[in-house]
PDB file of all heavy atoms in Angstrom:
ATOM      1  N   HIS A   1       0.801  -1.224   0.003  1.00  0.00           N
ATOM      2  CA  HIS A   1      -0.011  -0.001  -0.005  1.00  0.00           C
ATOM      3  C   HIS A   1       0.823   1.279  -0.013  1.00  0.00           C
ATOM      4  O   HIS A   1       0.275   2.355   0.238  1.00  0.00           O
ATOM      5  CB  HIS A   1      -0.957  -0.025   1.192  1.00  0.00           C
ATOM      6  CG  HIS A   1      -1.965  -1.115   1.104  1.00  0.00           C
ATOM      7  ND1 HIS A   1      -3.021  -1.095   0.193  1.00  0.00           N
ATOM      8  CD2 HIS A   1      -2.080  -2.285   1.781  1.00  0.00           C
ATOM      9  CE1 HIS A   1      -3.733  -2.227   0.339  1.00  0.00           C
ATOM     10  NE2 HIS A   1      -3.174  -2.936   1.288  1.00  0.00           N
ATOM     11  N   GLY A   2       2.100   1.203  -0.267  1.00  0.00           N
ATOM     12  CA  GLY A   2       2.921   2.353  -0.453  1.00  0.00           C
ATOM     13  C   GLY A   2       3.313   3.126   0.825  1.00  0.00           C
ATOM     14  O   GLY A   2       3.857   4.240   0.740  1.00  0.00           O
ATOM     15  N   ALA A   3       3.099   2.542   1.967  1.00  0.00           N
ATOM     16  CA  ALA A   3       3.529   3.171   3.238  1.00  0.00           C
ATOM     17  C   ALA A   3       5.069   3.057   3.299  1.00  0.00           C
ATOM     18  O   ALA A   3       5.683   2.265   2.619  1.00  0.00           O
ATOM     19  CB  ALA A   3       2.872   2.547   4.442  1.00  0.00           C
ATOM     20  N   ARG A   4       5.666   3.857   4.178  1.00  0.00           N
ATOM     21  CA  ARG A   4       7.119   3.819   4.432  1.00  0.00           C
ATOM     22  C   ARG A   4       7.395   3.381   5.832  1.00  0.00           C
ATOM     23  O   ARG A   4       6.662   3.778   6.764  1.00  0.00           O
ATOM     24  CB  ARG A   4       7.727   5.196   4.181  1.00  0.00           C
ATOM     25  CG  ARG A   4       7.673   5.623   2.761  1.00  0.00           C
ATOM     26  CD  ARG A   4       8.240   7.015   2.539  1.00  0.00           C
ATOM     27  NE  ARG A   4       9.474   7.290   3.266  1.00  0.00           N
ATOM     28  CZ  ARG A   4       9.962   8.456   3.442  1.00  0.00           C
ATOM     29  NH1 ARG A   4       9.334   9.519   2.990  1.00  0.00           N
ATOM     30  NH2 ARG A   4      11.081   8.660   4.083  1.00  0.00           N
ATOM     31  N   TRP A   5       8.454   2.611   6.000  1.00  0.00           N
ATOM     32  CA  TRP A   5       8.922   2.275   7.372  1.00  0.00           C
ATOM     33  C   TRP A   5       9.537   3.554   7.976  1.00  0.00           C
ATOM     34  O   TRP A   5      10.279   4.238   7.291  1.00  0.00           O
ATOM     35  CB  TRP A   5       9.990   1.181   7.343  1.00  0.00           C
ATOM     36  CG  TRP A   5       9.475  -0.189   7.105  1.00  0.00           C
ATOM     37  CD1 TRP A   5       9.827  -1.022   6.080  1.00  0.00           C
ATOM     38  CD2 TRP A   5       8.542  -0.946   7.890  1.00  0.00           C
ATOM     39  NE1 TRP A   5       9.150  -2.205   6.184  1.00  0.00           N
ATOM     40  CE2 TRP A   5       8.366  -2.170   7.271  1.00  0.00           C
ATOM     41  CE3 TRP A   5       7.830  -0.633   9.054  1.00  0.00           C
ATOM     42  CZ2 TRP A   5       7.509  -3.167   7.803  1.00  0.00           C
ATOM     43  CZ3 TRP A   5       6.968  -1.611   9.540  1.00  0.00           C
ATOM     44  CH2 TRP A   5       6.815  -2.846   8.933  1.00  0.00           C
ATOM     45  N   ILE A   6       9.212   3.822   9.215  1.00  0.00           N
ATOM     46  CA  ILE A   6       9.746   4.988   9.902  1.00  0.00           C
ATOM     47  C   ILE A   6      10.502   4.491  11.160  1.00  0.00           C
ATOM     48  O   ILE A   6       9.985   3.746  11.961  1.00  0.00           O
ATOM     49  CB  ILE A   6       8.619   5.950  10.315  1.00  0.00           C
ATOM     50  CG1 ILE A   6       7.797   6.367   9.100  1.00  0.00           C
ATOM     51  CG2 ILE A   6       9.193   7.153  11.058  1.00  0.00           C
ATOM     52  CD1 ILE A   6       8.565   7.085   8.013  1.00  0.00           C
ATOM     53  N   THR A   7      11.728   5.012  11.267  1.00  0.00           N
ATOM     54  CA  THR A   7      12.532   4.800  12.487  1.00  0.00           C
ATOM     55  C   THR A   7      12.848   6.168  13.037  1.00  0.00           C
ATOM     56  O   THR A   7      12.532   7.219  12.382  1.00  0.00           O
ATOM     57  CB  THR A   7      13.845   4.057  12.138  1.00  0.00           C
ATOM     58  OG1 THR A   7      14.633   4.906  11.294  1.00  0.00           O
ATOM     59  CG2 THR A   7      13.579   2.735  11.467  1.00  0.00           C
ATOM     60  N   THR A   8      13.520   6.256  14.165  1.00  0.00           N
ATOM     61  CA  THR A   8      13.883   7.542  14.670  1.00  0.00           C
ATOM     62  C   THR A   8      14.842   8.234  13.730  1.00  0.00           C
ATOM     63  O   THR A   8      14.891   9.478  13.667  1.00  0.00           O
ATOM     64  CB  THR A   8      14.507   7.429  16.091  1.00  0.00           C
ATOM     65  OG1 THR A   8      15.571   6.483  16.062  1.00  0.00           O
ATOM     66  CG2 THR A   8      13.466   7.022  17.118  1.00  0.00           C
ATOM     67  N   ASP A   9      15.616   7.460  12.953  1.00  0.00           N
ATOM     68  CA  ASP A   9      16.525   8.039  11.986  1.00  0.00           C
ATOM     69  C   ASP A   9      15.847   8.629  10.779  1.00  0.00           C
ATOM     70  O   ASP A   9      16.366   9.536  10.119  1.00  0.00           O
ATOM     71  CB  ASP A   9      17.548   6.989  11.535  1.00  0.00           C
ATOM     72  CG  ASP A   9      18.505   6.568  12.640  1.00  0.00           C
ATOM     73  OD1 ASP A   9      18.684   7.328  13.623  1.00  0.00           O
ATOM     74  OD2 ASP A   9      19.026   5.456  12.570  1.00  0.00           O
ATOM     75  N   THR A  10      14.674   8.068  10.381  1.00  0.00           N
ATOM     76  CA  THR A  10      13.976   8.555   9.202  1.00  0.00           C
ATOM     77  C   THR A  10      12.779   9.415   9.507  1.00  0.00           C
ATOM     78  O   THR A  10      12.136   9.957   8.571  1.00  0.00           O
ATOM     79  CB  THR A  10      13.554   7.367   8.329  1.00  0.00           C
ATOM     80  OG1 THR A  10      12.624   6.560   9.071  1.00  0.00           O
ATOM     81  CG2 THR A  10      14.729   6.525   7.886  1.00  0.00           C
ATOM     82  N   LEU A  11      12.472   9.577  10.773  1.00  0.00           N
ATOM     83  CA  LEU A  11      11.261  10.325  11.180  1.00  0.00           C
ATOM     84  C   LEU A  11      11.271  11.759  10.696  1.00  0.00           C
ATOM     85  O   LEU A  11      10.257  12.217  10.112  1.00  0.00           O
ATOM     86  CB  LEU A  11      11.105  10.309  12.725  1.00  0.00           C
ATOM     87  CG  LEU A  11       9.950  11.115  13.286  1.00  0.00           C
ATOM     88  CD1 LEU A  11       8.599  10.614  12.765  1.00  0.00           C
ATOM     89  CD2 LEU A  11       9.996  11.083  14.800  1.00  0.00           C
ATOM     90  N   ALA A  12      12.323  12.485  10.891  1.00  0.00           N
ATOM     91  CA  ALA A  12      12.372  13.910  10.493  1.00  0.00           C
ATOM     92  C   ALA A  12      12.155  14.075   9.028  1.00  0.00           C
ATOM     93  O   ALA A  12      11.372  14.939   8.583  1.00  0.00           O
ATOM     94  CB  ALA A  12      13.698  14.565  10.914  1.00  0.00           C
ATOM     95  N   ALA A  13      12.802  13.269   8.194  1.00  0.00           N
ATOM     96  CA  ALA A  13      12.619  13.401   6.751  1.00  0.00           C
ATOM     97  C   ALA A  13      11.211  13.140   6.345  1.00  0.00           C
ATOM     98  O   ALA A  13      10.632  13.824   5.471  1.00  0.00           O
ATOM     99  CB  ALA A  13      13.584  12.446   6.011  1.00  0.00           C
ATOM    100  N   PHE A  14      10.587  12.119   6.947  1.00  0.00           N
ATOM    101  CA  PHE A  14       9.169  11.813   6.629  1.00  0.00           C
ATOM    102  C   PHE A  14       8.254  12.929   7.109  1.00  0.00           C
ATOM    103  O   PHE A  14       7.427  13.436   6.368  1.00  0.00           O
ATOM    104  CB  PHE A  14       8.764  10.482   7.254  1.00  0.00           C
ATOM    105  CG  PHE A  14       7.327  10.115   6.989  1.00  0.00           C
ATOM    106  CD1 PHE A  14       6.934   9.618   5.764  1.00  0.00           C
ATOM    107  CD2 PHE A  14       6.377  10.321   7.975  1.00  0.00           C
ATOM    108  CE1 PHE A  14       5.592   9.280   5.509  1.00  0.00           C
ATOM    109  CE2 PHE A  14       5.020   9.995   7.745  1.00  0.00           C
ATOM    110  CZ  PHE A  14       4.634   9.476   6.504  1.00  0.00           C
ATOM    111  N   ALA A  15       8.425  13.325   8.362  1.00  0.00           N
ATOM    112  CA  ALA A  15       7.524  14.306   8.986  1.00  0.00           C
ATOM    113  C   ALA A  15       7.633  15.671   8.279  1.00  0.00           C
ATOM    114  O   ALA A  15       6.631  16.352   8.160  1.00  0.00           O
ATOM    115  CB  ALA A  15       7.829  14.453  10.465  1.00  0.00           C
ATOM    116  N   ASP A  16       8.822  16.027   7.851  1.00  0.00           N
ATOM    117  CA  ASP A  16       9.036  17.347   7.235  1.00  0.00           C
ATOM    118  C   ASP A  16       8.607  17.432   5.804  1.00  0.00           C
ATOM    119  O   ASP A  16       8.621  18.507   5.228  1.00  0.00           O
ATOM    120  CB  ASP A  16      10.533  17.753   7.362  1.00  0.00           C
ATOM    121  CG  ASP A  16      10.930  18.058   8.810  1.00  0.00           C
ATOM    122  OD1 ASP A  16      10.038  18.311   9.621  1.00  0.00           O
ATOM    123  OD2 ASP A  16      12.130  18.046   9.057  1.00  0.00           O
ATOM    124  N   GLY A  17       8.149  16.326   5.251  1.00  0.00           N
ATOM    125  CA  GLY A  17       7.691  16.353   3.862  1.00  0.00           C
ATOM    126  C   GLY A  17       6.456  17.188   3.747  1.00  0.00           C
ATOM    127  O   GLY A  17       5.703  17.411   4.709  1.00  0.00           O
ATOM    128  N   ALA A  18       6.200  17.661   2.554  1.00  0.00           N
ATOM    129  CA  ALA A  18       5.025  18.499   2.273  1.00  0.00           C
ATOM    130  C   ALA A  18       3.737  17.738   2.394  1.00  0.00           C
ATOM    131  O   ALA A  18       3.644  16.540   2.043  1.00  0.00           O
ATOM    132  CB  ALA A  18       5.147  19.117   0.873  1.00  0.00           C
ATOM    133  N   GLY A  19       2.701  18.384   2.903  1.00  0.00           N
ATOM    134  CA  GLY A  19       1.362  17.794   2.966  1.00  0.00           C
ATOM    135  C   GLY A  19       1.136  17.013   4.249  1.00  0.00           C
ATOM    136  O   GLY A  19       1.920  17.065   5.195  1.00  0.00           O
ATOM    137  N   ASP A  20       0.007  16.294   4.237  1.00  0.00           N
ATOM    138  CA  ASP A  20      -0.423  15.570   5.385  1.00  0.00           C
ATOM    139  C   ASP A  20       0.252  14.210   5.424  1.00  0.00           C
ATOM    140  O   ASP A  20       0.356  13.520   4.408  1.00  0.00           O
ATOM    141  CB  ASP A  20      -1.933  15.388   5.371  1.00  0.00           C
ATOM    142  CG  ASP A  20      -2.658  16.681   5.659  1.00  0.00           C
ATOM    143  OD1 ASP A  20      -2.681  17.063   6.829  1.00  0.00           O
ATOM    144  OD2 ASP A  20      -3.218  17.314   4.731  1.00  0.00           O
ATOM    145  N   ARG A  21       0.670  13.827   6.608  1.00  0.00           N
ATOM    146  CA  ARG A  21       1.348  12.543   6.837  1.00  0.00           C
ATOM    147  C   ARG A  21       0.669  11.892   8.073  1.00  0.00           C
ATOM    148  O   ARG A  21       0.275  12.583   8.984  1.00  0.00           O
ATOM    149  CB  ARG A  21       2.806  12.729   7.177  1.00  0.00           C
ATOM    150  CG  ARG A  21       3.602  13.602   6.217  1.00  0.00           C
ATOM    151  CD  ARG A  21       3.774  12.896   4.908  1.00  0.00           C
ATOM    152  NE  ARG A  21       4.432  13.659   3.892  1.00  0.00           N
ATOM    153  CZ  ARG A  21       5.570  13.343   3.327  1.00  0.00           C
ATOM    154  NH1 ARG A  21       6.237  12.266   3.730  1.00  0.00           N
ATOM    155  NH2 ARG A  21       6.042  14.058   2.338  1.00  0.00           N
ATOM    156  N   VAL A  22       0.582  10.587   8.032  1.00  0.00           N
ATOM    157  CA  VAL A  22       0.066   9.818   9.191  1.00  0.00           C
ATOM    158  C   VAL A  22       1.102   8.820   9.639  1.00  0.00           C
ATOM    159  O   VAL A  22       1.593   8.027   8.820  1.00  0.00           O
ATOM    160  CB  VAL A  22      -1.252   9.100   8.830  1.00  0.00           C
ATOM    161  CG1 VAL A  22      -1.709   8.176   9.957  1.00  0.00           C
ATOM    162  CG2 VAL A  22      -2.342  10.088   8.454  1.00  0.00           C
ATOM    163  N   LEU A  23       1.472   8.916  10.890  1.00  0.00           N
ATOM    164  CA  LEU A  23       2.347   7.949  11.522  1.00  0.00           C
ATOM    165  C   LEU A  23       1.476   6.892  12.180  1.00  0.00           C
ATOM    166  O   LEU A  23       0.620   7.210  13.014  1.00  0.00           O
ATOM    167  CB  LEU A  23       3.251   8.571  12.563  1.00  0.00           C
ATOM    168  CG  LEU A  23       4.281   9.554  12.055  1.00  0.00           C
ATOM    169  CD1 LEU A  23       4.928  10.275  13.270  1.00  0.00           C
ATOM    170  CD2 LEU A  23       5.346   8.848  11.238  1.00  0.00           C
ATOM    171  N   PHE A  24       1.709   5.642  11.815  1.00  0.00           N
ATOM    172  CA  PHE A  24       0.924   4.525  12.402  1.00  0.00           C
ATOM    173  C   PHE A  24       1.771   3.853  13.475  1.00  0.00           C
ATOM    174  O   PHE A  24       2.828   3.332  13.186  1.00  0.00           O
ATOM    175  CB  PHE A  24       0.548   3.547  11.332  1.00  0.00           C
ATOM    176  CG  PHE A  24      -0.216   2.304  11.832  1.00  0.00           C
ATOM    177  CD1 PHE A  24      -1.189   2.418  12.785  1.00  0.00           C
ATOM    178  CD2 PHE A  24       0.086   1.077  11.290  1.00  0.00           C
ATOM    179  CE1 PHE A  24      -1.875   1.292  13.255  1.00  0.00           C
ATOM    180  CE2 PHE A  24      -0.586  -0.055  11.729  1.00  0.00           C
ATOM    181  CZ  PHE A  24      -1.561   0.065  12.693  1.00  0.00           C
ATOM    182  N   LEU A  25       1.292   3.900  14.715  1.00  0.00           N
ATOM    183  CA  LEU A  25       1.890   3.234  15.843  1.00  0.00           C
ATOM    184  C   LEU A  25       0.995   2.031  16.158  1.00  0.00           C
ATOM    185  O   LEU A  25      -0.082   2.205  16.743  1.00  0.00           O
ATOM    186  CB  LEU A  25       1.947   4.170  17.053  1.00  0.00           C
ATOM    187  CG  LEU A  25       2.742   5.498  16.820  1.00  0.00           C
ATOM    188  CD1 LEU A  25       2.382   6.512  17.892  1.00  0.00           C
ATOM    189  CD2 LEU A  25       4.187   5.198  16.875  1.00  0.00           C
ATOM    190  N   SER A  26       1.381   0.875  15.725  1.00  0.00           N
ATOM    191  CA  SER A  26       0.492  -0.285  15.850  1.00  0.00           C
ATOM    192  C   SER A  26       0.537  -0.955  17.202  1.00  0.00           C
ATOM    193  O   SER A  26      -0.457  -1.503  17.631  1.00  0.00           O
ATOM    194  CB  SER A  26       0.855  -1.344  14.798  1.00  0.00           C
ATOM    195  OG  SER A  26       2.149  -1.841  14.982  1.00  0.00           O
ATOM    196  N   GLY A  27       1.671  -0.881  17.879  1.00  0.00           N
ATOM    197  CA  GLY A  27       1.760  -1.570  19.173  1.00  0.00           C
ATOM    198  C   GLY A  27       2.017  -3.044  18.996  1.00  0.00           C
ATOM    199  O   GLY A  27       1.931  -3.598  17.907  1.00  0.00           O
ATOM    200  N   ASP A  28       2.299  -3.686  20.096  1.00  0.00           N
ATOM    201  CA  ASP A  28       2.535  -5.115  20.140  1.00  0.00           C
ATOM    202  C   ASP A  28       1.240  -5.840  19.727  1.00  0.00           C
ATOM    203  O   ASP A  28       0.204  -5.655  20.377  1.00  0.00           O
ATOM    204  CB  ASP A  28       2.952  -5.516  21.528  1.00  0.00           C
ATOM    205  CG  ASP A  28       3.179  -7.022  21.714  1.00  0.00           C
ATOM    206  OD1 ASP A  28       2.906  -7.797  20.787  1.00  0.00           O
ATOM    207  OD2 ASP A  28       3.541  -7.406  22.827  1.00  0.00           O
ATOM    208  N   PRO A  29       1.261  -6.663  18.652  1.00  0.00           N
ATOM    209  CA  PRO A  29       0.032  -7.280  18.214  1.00  0.00           C
ATOM    210  C   PRO A  29      -0.579  -8.254  19.220  1.00  0.00           C
ATOM    211  O   PRO A  29      -1.787  -8.557  19.142  1.00  0.00           O
ATOM    212  CB  PRO A  29       0.453  -7.999  16.899  1.00  0.00           C
ATOM    213  CG  PRO A  29       1.931  -8.120  16.956  1.00  0.00           C
ATOM    214  CD  PRO A  29       2.415  -7.016  17.821  1.00  0.00           C
ATOM    215  N   VAL A  30       0.212  -8.722  20.137  1.00  0.00           N
ATOM    216  CA  VAL A  30      -0.363  -9.612  21.184  1.00  0.00           C
ATOM    217  C   VAL A  30      -1.085  -8.823  22.241  1.00  0.00           C
ATOM    218  O   VAL A  30      -2.194  -9.134  22.622  1.00  0.00           O
ATOM    219  CB  VAL A  30       0.759 -10.508  21.793  1.00  0.00           C
ATOM    220  CG1 VAL A  30       0.214 -11.322  22.974  1.00  0.00           C
ATOM    221  CG2 VAL A  30       1.381 -11.419  20.776  1.00  0.00           C
ATOM    222  N   ARG A  31      -0.468  -7.743  22.698  1.00  0.00           N
ATOM    223  CA  ARG A  31      -1.099  -6.886  23.706  1.00  0.00           C
ATOM    224  C   ARG A  31      -2.177  -5.986  23.133  1.00  0.00           C
ATOM    225  O   ARG A  31      -3.148  -5.649  23.837  1.00  0.00           O
ATOM    226  CB  ARG A  31      -0.013  -6.004  24.369  1.00  0.00           C
ATOM    227  CG  ARG A  31       0.913  -6.776  25.262  1.00  0.00           C
ATOM    228  CD  ARG A  31       1.916  -5.905  25.964  1.00  0.00           C
ATOM    229  NE  ARG A  31       1.242  -4.918  26.807  1.00  0.00           N
ATOM    230  CZ  ARG A  31       1.724  -3.708  27.043  1.00  0.00           C
ATOM    231  NH1 ARG A  31       2.870  -3.344  26.512  1.00  0.00           N
ATOM    232  NH2 ARG A  31       1.045  -2.883  27.788  1.00  0.00           N
ATOM    233  N   PHE A  32      -2.009  -5.570  21.877  1.00  0.00           N
ATOM    234  CA  PHE A  32      -2.946  -4.632  21.241  1.00  0.00           C
ATOM    235  C   PHE A  32      -3.402  -5.170  19.872  1.00  0.00           C
ATOM    236  O   PHE A  32      -3.015  -4.661  18.828  1.00  0.00           O
ATOM    237  CB  PHE A  32      -2.286  -3.258  21.065  1.00  0.00           C
ATOM    238  CG  PHE A  32      -1.717  -2.710  22.338  1.00  0.00           C
ATOM    239  CD1 PHE A  32      -0.352  -2.714  22.536  1.00  0.00           C
ATOM    240  CD2 PHE A  32      -2.555  -2.185  23.329  1.00  0.00           C
ATOM    241  CE1 PHE A  32       0.180  -2.209  23.721  1.00  0.00           C
ATOM    242  CE2 PHE A  32      -2.020  -1.657  24.498  1.00  0.00           C
ATOM    243  CZ  PHE A  32      -0.639  -1.681  24.683  1.00  0.00           C
ATOM    244  N   PRO A  33      -4.195  -6.260  19.914  1.00  0.00           N
ATOM    245  CA  PRO A  33      -4.580  -6.886  18.601  1.00  0.00           C
ATOM    246  C   PRO A  33      -5.366  -5.938  17.688  1.00  0.00           C
ATOM    247  O   PRO A  33      -5.375  -6.122  16.488  1.00  0.00           O
ATOM    248  CB  PRO A  33      -5.420  -8.090  19.053  1.00  0.00           C
ATOM    249  CG  PRO A  33      -5.848  -7.811  20.453  1.00  0.00           C
ATOM    250  CD  PRO A  33      -4.810  -6.938  21.034  1.00  0.00           C
ATOM    251  N   GLU A  34      -5.981  -4.888  18.250  1.00  0.00           N
ATOM    252  CA  GLU A  34      -6.688  -3.956  17.382  1.00  0.00           C
ATOM    253  C   GLU A  34      -5.760  -3.186  16.436  1.00  0.00           C
ATOM    254  O   GLU A  34      -6.176  -2.608  15.465  1.00  0.00           O
ATOM    255  CB  GLU A  34      -7.580  -2.999  18.188  1.00  0.00           C
ATOM    256  CG  GLU A  34      -6.845  -2.165  19.200  1.00  0.00           C
ATOM    257  CD  GLU A  34      -6.679  -2.850  20.578  1.00  0.00           C
ATOM    258  OE1 GLU A  34      -6.983  -4.018  20.747  1.00  0.00           O
ATOM    259  OE2 GLU A  34      -6.134  -2.141  21.467  1.00  0.00           O
ATOM    260  N   GLY A  35      -4.432  -3.199  16.758  1.00  0.00           N
ATOM    261  CA  GLY A  35      -3.455  -2.606  15.853  1.00  0.00           C
ATOM    262  C   GLY A  35      -3.486  -3.266  14.474  1.00  0.00           C
ATOM    263  O   GLY A  35      -3.328  -2.586  13.439  1.00  0.00           O
ATOM    264  N   VAL A  36      -3.730  -4.552  14.426  1.00  0.00           N
ATOM    265  CA  VAL A  36      -3.837  -5.258  13.159  1.00  0.00           C
ATOM    266  C   VAL A  36      -5.103  -4.836  12.444  1.00  0.00           C
ATOM    267  O   VAL A  36      -5.114  -4.653  11.216  1.00  0.00           O
ATOM    268  CB  VAL A  36      -3.793  -6.813  13.393  1.00  0.00           C
ATOM    269  CG1 VAL A  36      -4.045  -7.552  12.085  1.00  0.00           C
ATOM    270  CG2 VAL A  36      -2.485  -7.201  14.022  1.00  0.00           C
ATOM    271  N   ASP A  37      -6.183  -4.623  13.170  1.00  0.00           N
ATOM    272  CA  ASP A  37      -7.444  -4.113  12.572  1.00  0.00           C
ATOM    273  C   ASP A  37      -7.245  -2.754  11.940  1.00  0.00           C
ATOM    274  O   ASP A  37      -7.698  -2.482  10.839  1.00  0.00           O
ATOM    275  CB  ASP A  37      -8.553  -4.055  13.609  1.00  0.00           C
ATOM    276  CG  ASP A  37      -8.930  -5.394  14.186  1.00  0.00           C
ATOM    277  OD1 ASP A  37      -8.725  -6.447  13.494  1.00  0.00           O
ATOM    278  OD2 ASP A  37      -9.381  -5.440  15.360  1.00  0.00           O
ATOM    279  N   VAL A  38      -6.528  -1.880  12.640  1.00  0.00           N
ATOM    280  CA  VAL A  38      -6.252  -0.542  12.123  1.00  0.00           C
ATOM    281  C   VAL A  38      -5.394  -0.655  10.853  1.00  0.00           C
ATOM    282  O   VAL A  38      -5.610   0.078   9.878  1.00  0.00           O
ATOM    283  CB  VAL A  38      -5.592   0.369  13.152  1.00  0.00           C
ATOM    284  CG1 VAL A  38      -5.219   1.715  12.525  1.00  0.00           C
ATOM    285  CG2 VAL A  38      -6.536   0.597  14.316  1.00  0.00           C
ATOM    286  N   ALA A  39      -4.481  -1.598  10.827  1.00  0.00           N
ATOM    287  CA  ALA A  39      -3.619  -1.799   9.642  1.00  0.00           C
ATOM    288  C   ALA A  39      -4.458  -2.187   8.434  1.00  0.00           C
ATOM    289  O   ALA A  39      -4.136  -1.822   7.302  1.00  0.00           O
ATOM    290  CB  ALA A  39      -2.551  -2.850   9.921  1.00  0.00           C
TER     291      ALA A  39
END
């Protein structure tokens, strides 16, 4: 689906890009299974 992996090293470059951006924090899929639903 064209998303990009974001690490602390790549966060600034992604965040500073033009337009709207969404960072997805999914959480541990065992503790937070709804993260898979959001994905």
